[in-house]
């Protein structure tokens, strides 16, 4: 397969072959790989797991069978080098610095790009093994992609010079969110599409539903997705007397998720810190009104009181947000078109894929 130096017809961009070392089961990886392919790249994914949808060209990484899940990233060097030698990519991309980024570094490819999506560089304290591993992976990369402007500072703190950092993110596919379609839910229809994991603090949202409920104005919360604490959260809703007002959908396909978003009015998340949240961007694309925790990543997308509300993450703050939305129903209407405009300009996966390829081509041209 020809790389950047290949002869191409006039008016066509050369084909860049990209090997993404990443979790093939991740919808974020699948979407990004597909968009890069649609933009003209040849994309291979190197992963310890298969793509459950069968849409990616996955090459399975291996590690000694006696090691645990975390240790496999350190011992996959021979496997990734064999695969890279066979595929012969122009660029090797490590997606998530502290895991698959370690495998990408071990490929020994001359052009390794590391992608930091948030927690891989934001939450590991200096001196820990994970921090040291991230530092090693980042410093040896030809280029580091910071998945949002706030992550640039985190990457810089590892000693990476500014000329090797670029602030880009994949964005989201906008095809499922046609312009002009509007959500049908009102202020009482809450939804979150974060996985049911303790980190996302769904218990806060359920407690807020219980605290805010007043007859016909009681908020109804839909929790989209599955996870290890689904049963625990169900028990909490029952104990608080709001089991009828909290809906657990379990895992759903993309079409159903989109349908549920358009049937809601307010997107809520109690995640304490994050990179660029695809869940937030999807909700904005659908025209929902976000109520999310006030931290730097969310401030990049939400102007408090204009196209959403920024809260401190406490139960009381979500109750106060609910009351404010009820008192000012025009908030939802005003935010609807504004949020779609923001996503169109900054988070269109198709447009951003072209930006990625432009940057990779420049990197290869530098030699």
Protein backbone atom coordinates (compact mmCIF):
# COMPACT_ATOMS: atom_id res chain seq x y z
CA UNK A 1 0.00 0.00 0.00
CA UNK A 2 1.59 3.34 -1.05
CA UNK A 3 2.56 5.82 1.61
CA UNK A 4 3.07 9.56 1.52
CA UNK A 5 5.86 9.40 -1.02
CA UNK A 6 3.78 7.43 -3.51
CA UNK A 7 2.88 8.82 -6.91
CA UNK A 8 -0.71 10.05 -7.03
CA UNK A 9 -2.93 11.63 -9.67
CA UNK A 10 -3.11 15.41 -9.79
CA UNK A 11 -5.64 16.76 -7.32
CA UNK A 12 -5.54 13.70 -5.07
CA UNK A 13 -3.90 13.55 -1.68
CA UNK A 14 -1.39 10.72 -1.12
CA UNK A 15 -2.51 7.77 0.94
CA UNK A 16 -1.15 7.68 4.48
CA UNK A 17 -1.09 4.27 6.13
CA UNK A 18 -1.80 4.59 9.84
CA UNK A 19 -1.46 1.85 12.43
CA UNK A 20 -3.55 2.79 15.47
CA UNK A 21 -2.52 0.87 18.58
CA UNK A 22 -5.67 0.98 20.65
CA UNK A 23 -8.67 -0.75 22.18
CA UNK A 24 -10.59 -2.02 19.14
CA UNK A 25 -13.72 -2.47 21.28
CA UNK A 26 -13.90 1.27 21.99
CA UNK A 27 -16.53 3.16 20.03
CA UNK A 28 -14.26 6.22 20.09
CA UNK A 29 -11.49 4.25 18.37
CA UNK A 30 -13.91 2.75 15.84
CA UNK A 31 -15.40 6.13 14.94
CA UNK A 32 -12.01 7.80 14.58
CA UNK A 33 -10.56 4.98 12.46
CA UNK A 34 -13.60 5.06 10.18
CA UNK A 35 -13.41 8.83 9.72
CA UNK A 36 -9.68 8.71 8.96
CA UNK A 37 -10.39 6.03 6.37
CA UNK A 38 -13.17 8.09 4.82
CA UNK A 39 -10.76 11.04 4.64
CA UNK A 40 -8.33 9.00 2.54
CA UNK A 41 -6.05 7.12 4.95
CA UNK A 42 -5.47 3.38 5.09
CA UNK A 43 -6.07 2.43 8.72
CA UNK A 44 -5.05 -0.71 10.60
CA UNK A 45 -5.84 -1.22 14.28
CA UNK A 46 -3.48 -3.19 16.52
CA UNK A 47 -5.25 -4.37 19.63
CA UNK A 48 -5.43 -7.05 22.31
CA UNK A 49 -9.16 -7.38 21.60
CA UNK A 50 -11.38 -7.70 18.55
CA UNK A 51 -13.82 -5.12 17.25
CA UNK A 52 -17.22 -6.50 18.32
CA UNK A 53 -18.88 -4.86 15.29
CA UNK A 54 -16.45 -6.34 12.77
CA UNK A 55 -15.98 -2.98 11.03
CA UNK A 56 -12.26 -2.50 11.71
CA UNK A 57 -9.24 -4.21 10.19
CA UNK A 58 -7.86 -5.53 13.50
CA UNK A 59 -4.47 -7.19 13.98
CA UNK A 60 -4.33 -8.96 17.32
CA UNK A 61 -1.51 -8.13 19.71
CA UNK A 62 -0.25 -10.87 21.99
CA UNK A 63 1.60 -11.04 25.29
CA UNK A 64 2.79 -13.95 27.44
CA UNK A 65 -0.25 -15.84 28.73
CA UNK A 66 0.95 -15.81 32.34
CA UNK A 67 0.87 -12.00 32.73
CA UNK A 68 -2.05 -9.89 33.91
CA UNK A 69 -3.94 -7.29 31.93
CA UNK A 70 -1.79 -4.35 33.01
CA UNK A 71 1.53 -6.14 32.49
CA UNK A 72 0.67 -7.12 28.92
CA UNK A 73 1.26 -3.55 27.76
CA UNK A 74 4.86 -3.82 28.92
CA UNK A 75 5.49 -7.24 27.32
CA UNK A 76 3.89 -6.79 23.90
CA UNK A 77 7.04 -5.43 22.24
CA UNK A 78 7.85 -8.49 20.10
CA UNK A 79 4.22 -8.77 18.99
CA UNK A 80 3.82 -5.13 17.96
CA UNK A 81 7.16 -5.12 16.14
CA UNK A 82 6.16 -8.18 14.08
CA UNK A 83 2.84 -6.60 13.15
CA UNK A 84 4.35 -3.23 12.27
CA UNK A 85 7.00 -4.91 10.11
CA UNK A 86 4.27 -6.77 8.22
CA UNK A 87 1.90 -3.79 7.83
CA UNK A 88 4.62 -1.21 7.08
CA UNK A 89 2.64 1.87 8.18
CA UNK A 90 3.82 5.42 7.66
CA UNK A 91 2.68 6.41 11.17
CA UNK A 92 2.12 4.43 14.37
CA UNK A 93 -0.40 6.03 16.74
CA UNK A 94 -0.67 5.10 20.42
CA UNK A 95 -4.19 5.87 21.63
CA UNK A 96 -4.16 6.40 25.44
CA UNK A 97 -0.65 7.19 26.61
CA UNK A 98 -0.35 4.95 29.66
CA UNK A 99 -1.71 1.75 28.08
CA UNK A 100 -1.59 1.22 24.36
CA UNK A 101 0.81 4.15 24.12
CA UNK A 102 3.40 1.96 25.82
CA UNK A 103 2.87 -0.70 23.16
CA UNK A 104 3.18 1.90 20.37
CA UNK A 105 6.51 3.12 21.76
CA UNK A 106 7.82 -0.44 21.77
CA UNK A 107 7.14 -0.71 18.04
CA UNK A 108 10.38 1.26 17.50
CA UNK A 109 8.81 2.85 14.44
CA UNK A 110 10.52 6.13 13.45
CA UNK A 111 7.20 8.03 13.46
CA UNK A 112 5.23 7.35 16.64
CA UNK A 113 2.40 9.70 17.57
CA UNK A 114 0.90 9.55 21.06
CA UNK A 115 -2.70 10.58 21.69
CA UNK A 116 -3.55 11.81 25.19
CA UNK A 117 -7.30 11.74 25.79
CA UNK A 118 -7.39 13.08 29.35
CA UNK A 119 -6.99 10.83 32.38
CA UNK A 120 -3.84 9.25 30.97
CA UNK A 121 -1.99 12.52 31.60
CA UNK A 122 -4.25 14.44 33.99
CA UNK A 123 -4.66 12.20 37.04
CA UNK A 124 -1.46 10.18 37.55
CA UNK A 125 0.62 11.72 40.37
CA UNK A 126 4.33 12.33 39.75
CA UNK A 127 6.54 9.56 41.08
CA UNK A 128 4.10 6.77 40.33
CA UNK A 129 4.96 4.03 37.85
CA UNK A 130 2.12 5.13 35.60
CA UNK A 131 3.41 8.71 35.55
CA UNK A 132 6.94 7.58 34.73
CA UNK A 133 5.66 5.38 31.93
CA UNK A 134 3.62 8.25 30.49
CA UNK A 135 6.66 10.51 30.62
CA UNK A 136 8.77 7.98 28.75
CA UNK A 137 6.14 7.43 26.08
CA UNK A 138 5.48 11.14 25.57
CA UNK A 139 9.11 12.22 25.41
CA UNK A 140 9.95 9.60 22.77
CA UNK A 141 7.03 10.50 20.49
CA UNK A 142 7.56 12.49 17.32
CA UNK A 143 4.25 14.20 17.95
CA UNK A 144 1.77 14.30 20.84
CA UNK A 145 -1.89 14.94 20.12
CA UNK A 146 -3.63 16.54 23.10
CA UNK A 147 -7.34 15.66 22.98
CA UNK A 148 -8.37 19.19 23.92
CA UNK A 149 -6.64 22.48 24.78
CA UNK A 150 -6.63 21.81 28.53
CA UNK A 151 -4.61 18.62 27.99
CA UNK A 152 -1.82 20.61 26.31
CA UNK A 153 -0.68 21.91 29.71
CA UNK A 154 -0.69 18.39 31.15
CA UNK A 155 1.43 17.08 28.27
CA UNK A 156 3.78 20.04 28.56
CA UNK A 157 4.32 19.22 32.26
CA UNK A 158 5.94 15.92 31.19
CA UNK A 159 8.73 17.86 29.47
CA UNK A 160 7.37 17.70 25.91
CA UNK A 161 8.32 20.85 23.96
CA UNK A 162 5.53 22.92 22.43
CA UNK A 163 6.64 22.25 18.86
CA UNK A 164 5.82 18.56 19.35
CA UNK A 165 2.32 19.13 20.77
CA UNK A 166 -0.83 19.71 18.76
CA UNK A 167 -4.31 20.29 20.16
CA UNK A 168 -6.77 18.23 18.12
CA UNK A 169 -9.56 15.80 18.88
CA UNK A 170 -11.50 13.32 16.80
CA UNK A 171 -14.88 14.91 17.23
CA UNK A 172 -18.06 12.94 16.68
CA UNK A 173 -19.83 11.66 13.56
CA UNK A 174 -22.62 14.11 12.77
CA UNK A 175 -24.46 11.89 10.27
CA UNK A 176 -26.87 10.57 12.97
CA UNK A 177 -27.78 14.15 13.97
CA UNK A 178 -29.41 15.84 10.96
CA UNK A 179 -29.56 19.64 11.02
CA UNK A 180 -32.97 20.95 11.91
CA UNK A 181 -34.07 17.98 13.99
CA UNK A 182 -34.89 19.10 17.52
CA UNK A 183 -35.24 17.27 20.84
CA UNK A 184 -38.77 16.62 22.01
CA UNK A 185 -38.14 16.39 25.75
CA UNK A 186 -38.48 19.32 28.12
CA UNK A 187 -36.75 20.33 31.35
CA UNK A 188 -37.96 17.25 33.21
CA UNK A 189 -36.42 14.78 30.75
CA UNK A 190 -32.84 14.19 31.90
CA UNK A 191 -30.45 11.81 30.18
CA UNK A 192 -26.86 10.68 30.62
CA UNK A 193 -24.93 8.39 28.28
CA UNK A 194 -21.86 7.77 30.44
CA UNK A 195 -21.15 4.14 31.32
CA UNK A 196 -22.40 2.87 34.69
CA UNK A 197 -19.01 3.06 36.37
CA UNK A 198 -18.35 4.53 39.85
CA UNK A 199 -16.11 7.22 38.39
CA UNK A 200 -19.05 8.93 36.68
CA UNK A 201 -20.97 9.40 39.95
CA UNK A 202 -24.43 8.50 38.69
CA UNK A 203 -25.51 8.18 42.32
CA UNK A 204 -25.36 12.00 42.54
CA UNK A 205 -27.81 12.28 39.65
CA UNK A 206 -30.22 9.77 41.19
CA UNK A 207 -30.10 11.58 44.53
CA UNK A 208 -30.76 14.85 42.70
CA UNK A 209 -33.86 13.34 41.08
CA UNK A 210 -35.11 12.33 44.53
CA UNK A 211 -34.36 15.75 46.01
CA UNK A 212 -35.86 17.73 43.11
CA UNK A 213 -39.08 15.78 42.65
CA UNK A 214 -42.29 17.73 43.20
CA UNK A 215 -45.35 16.11 41.64
CA UNK A 216 -45.77 16.75 37.93
CA UNK A 217 -42.45 18.61 37.77
CA UNK A 218 -40.46 15.60 38.93
CA UNK A 219 -37.42 15.05 36.69
CA UNK A 220 -37.13 11.70 34.95
CA UNK A 221 -33.59 10.40 34.43
CA UNK A 222 -32.59 7.96 31.70
CA UNK A 223 -29.29 6.16 32.22
CA UNK A 224 -28.10 4.89 28.85
CA UNK A 225 -25.55 2.07 28.84
CA UNK A 226 -24.33 -0.70 31.09
CA UNK A 227 -21.60 -1.15 33.63
CA UNK A 228 -20.51 -2.79 36.87
CA UNK A 229 -22.71 -0.76 39.23
CA UNK A 230 -26.04 -1.05 37.39
CA UNK A 231 -27.57 -3.22 40.12
CA UNK A 232 -26.26 -0.97 42.87
CA UNK A 233 -27.72 2.12 41.21
CA UNK A 234 -31.06 0.37 40.76
CA UNK A 235 -31.15 -0.40 44.48
CA UNK A 236 -30.36 3.23 45.29
CA UNK A 237 -33.23 4.48 43.12
CA UNK A 238 -35.60 2.06 44.86
CA UNK A 239 -34.40 3.06 48.34
CA UNK A 240 -34.94 6.73 47.52
CA UNK A 241 -38.41 6.06 46.17
CA UNK A 242 -37.64 7.16 42.59
CA UNK A 243 -37.44 3.78 40.84
CA UNK A 244 -40.30 4.85 38.55
CA UNK A 245 -38.42 8.02 37.62
CA UNK A 246 -35.05 6.45 36.79
CA UNK A 247 -34.86 4.36 33.62
CA UNK A 248 -31.99 1.94 33.01
CA UNK A 249 -31.75 1.08 29.31
CA UNK A 250 -28.75 -1.23 29.50
CA UNK A 251 -26.41 -1.27 26.53
CA UNK A 252 -28.02 0.00 23.34
CA UNK A 253 -26.88 0.39 19.75
CA UNK A 254 -26.02 3.76 18.25
CA UNK A 255 -29.41 4.26 16.60
CA UNK A 256 -31.25 3.69 19.87
CA UNK A 257 -28.92 6.05 21.72
CA UNK A 258 -29.66 8.78 19.21
CA UNK A 259 -33.41 8.16 19.54
CA UNK A 260 -33.16 8.43 23.33
CA UNK A 261 -31.18 11.66 23.10
CA UNK A 262 -33.76 13.31 20.85
CA UNK A 263 -36.48 12.21 23.25
CA UNK A 264 -34.83 14.13 26.10
CA UNK A 265 -34.36 17.77 26.97
CA UNK A 266 -31.43 18.03 29.39
CA UNK A 267 -28.12 16.18 29.32
CA UNK A 268 -26.55 15.65 32.74
CA UNK A 269 -23.17 14.33 33.84
CA UNK A 270 -21.53 14.26 37.26
CA UNK A 271 -18.12 13.12 35.99
CA UNK A 272 -15.58 15.02 38.15
CA UNK A 273 -12.97 15.55 35.40
CA UNK A 274 -12.47 14.36 31.86
CA UNK A 275 -10.94 15.01 28.49
CA UNK A 276 -13.19 16.07 25.65
CA UNK A 277 -16.36 14.12 26.34
CA UNK A 278 -17.91 12.52 23.26
CA UNK A 279 -21.10 12.03 25.28
CA UNK A 280 -21.35 15.78 25.84
CA UNK A 281 -20.71 16.55 22.18
CA UNK A 282 -23.36 14.05 21.06
CA UNK A 283 -25.88 15.68 23.39
CA UNK A 284 -24.98 19.12 22.02
CA UNK A 285 -25.34 17.84 18.44
CA UNK A 286 -28.86 16.68 19.32
CA UNK A 287 -29.68 20.14 20.68
CA UNK A 288 -29.87 19.18 24.35
CA UNK A 289 -29.16 21.54 27.23
CA UNK A 290 -26.11 20.28 29.18
CA UNK A 291 -25.73 20.47 32.96
CA UNK A 292 -22.18 19.36 33.72
CA UNK A 293 -19.44 19.80 36.29
CA UNK A 294 -17.44 23.02 36.14
CA UNK A 295 -13.91 22.04 35.09
CA UNK A 296 -11.61 23.21 32.35
CA UNK A 297 -12.62 20.69 29.65
CA UNK A 298 -16.31 21.48 29.99
CA UNK A 299 -15.63 25.21 30.04
CA UNK A 300 -14.15 24.76 26.55
CA UNK A 301 -17.64 23.90 25.31
CA UNK A 302 -20.15 25.33 27.77
CA UNK A 303 -20.69 28.99 28.66
CA UNK A 304 -22.58 28.95 31.92
CA UNK A 305 -26.12 30.23 31.54
CA UNK A 306 -25.81 30.55 27.75
CA UNK A 307 -25.67 27.11 26.17
CA UNK A 308 -25.71 25.04 29.37
CA UNK A 309 -25.04 25.19 33.10
CA UNK A 310 -21.80 24.49 34.96
CA UNK A 311 -22.29 23.11 38.47
CA UNK A 312 -20.07 22.07 41.37
CA UNK A 313 -21.06 18.39 41.15
CA UNK A 314 -23.06 18.24 44.38
CA UNK A 315 -26.62 16.97 44.64
CA UNK A 316 -27.79 20.46 45.59
CA UNK A 317 -26.18 21.96 42.50
CA UNK A 318 -28.18 19.70 40.18
CA UNK A 319 -31.39 20.46 42.07
CA UNK A 320 -30.65 24.19 41.72
CA UNK A 321 -29.98 23.72 38.00
CA UNK A 322 -33.31 21.92 37.60
CA UNK A 323 -35.15 24.75 39.34
CA UNK A 324 -33.41 27.37 37.20
CA UNK A 325 -34.32 25.56 33.98
CA UNK A 326 -37.95 25.34 35.11
CA UNK A 327 -38.01 29.06 35.91
CA UNK A 328 -36.29 30.00 32.63
CA UNK A 329 -37.65 27.64 29.95
CA UNK A 330 -36.18 29.82 27.22
CA UNK A 331 -32.73 28.55 28.25
CA UNK A 332 -33.35 25.29 26.42
CA UNK A 333 -34.61 26.98 23.26
CA UNK A 334 -31.71 29.43 23.11
CA UNK A 335 -29.10 26.72 23.61
CA UNK A 336 -30.51 24.41 20.94
CA UNK A 337 -29.17 26.12 17.82
CA UNK A 338 -26.08 27.46 19.57
CA UNK A 339 -24.90 24.01 20.63
CA UNK A 340 -25.36 22.62 17.15
CA UNK A 341 -23.32 25.49 15.70
CA UNK A 342 -20.48 24.83 18.15
CA UNK A 343 -20.36 21.13 17.31
CA UNK A 344 -20.51 21.79 13.56
CA UNK A 345 -17.53 24.13 13.77
CA UNK A 346 -15.28 22.36 16.26
CA UNK A 347 -16.34 18.74 16.64
CA UNK A 348 -17.27 17.46 13.17
CA UNK A 349 -15.39 14.15 12.97
CA UNK A 350 -15.19 14.27 9.19
CA UNK A 351 -13.67 17.74 9.13
CA UNK A 352 -11.30 16.93 11.99
CA UNK A 353 -10.11 13.73 10.27
CA UNK A 354 -8.87 15.85 7.37
CA UNK A 355 -7.06 18.06 9.86
CA UNK A 356 -5.37 15.00 11.35
CA UNK A 357 -4.21 13.76 7.95
CA UNK A 358 -2.85 17.20 7.08
CA UNK A 359 -0.82 17.19 10.30
CA UNK A 360 0.46 13.65 9.77
CA UNK A 361 1.49 14.50 6.20
CA UNK A 362 3.43 17.51 7.41
CA UNK A 363 5.11 15.35 10.03
CA UNK A 364 6.20 12.83 7.41
CA UNK A 365 7.40 15.57 5.07
CA UNK A 366 9.70 16.82 7.83
CA UNK A 367 11.57 13.52 7.59
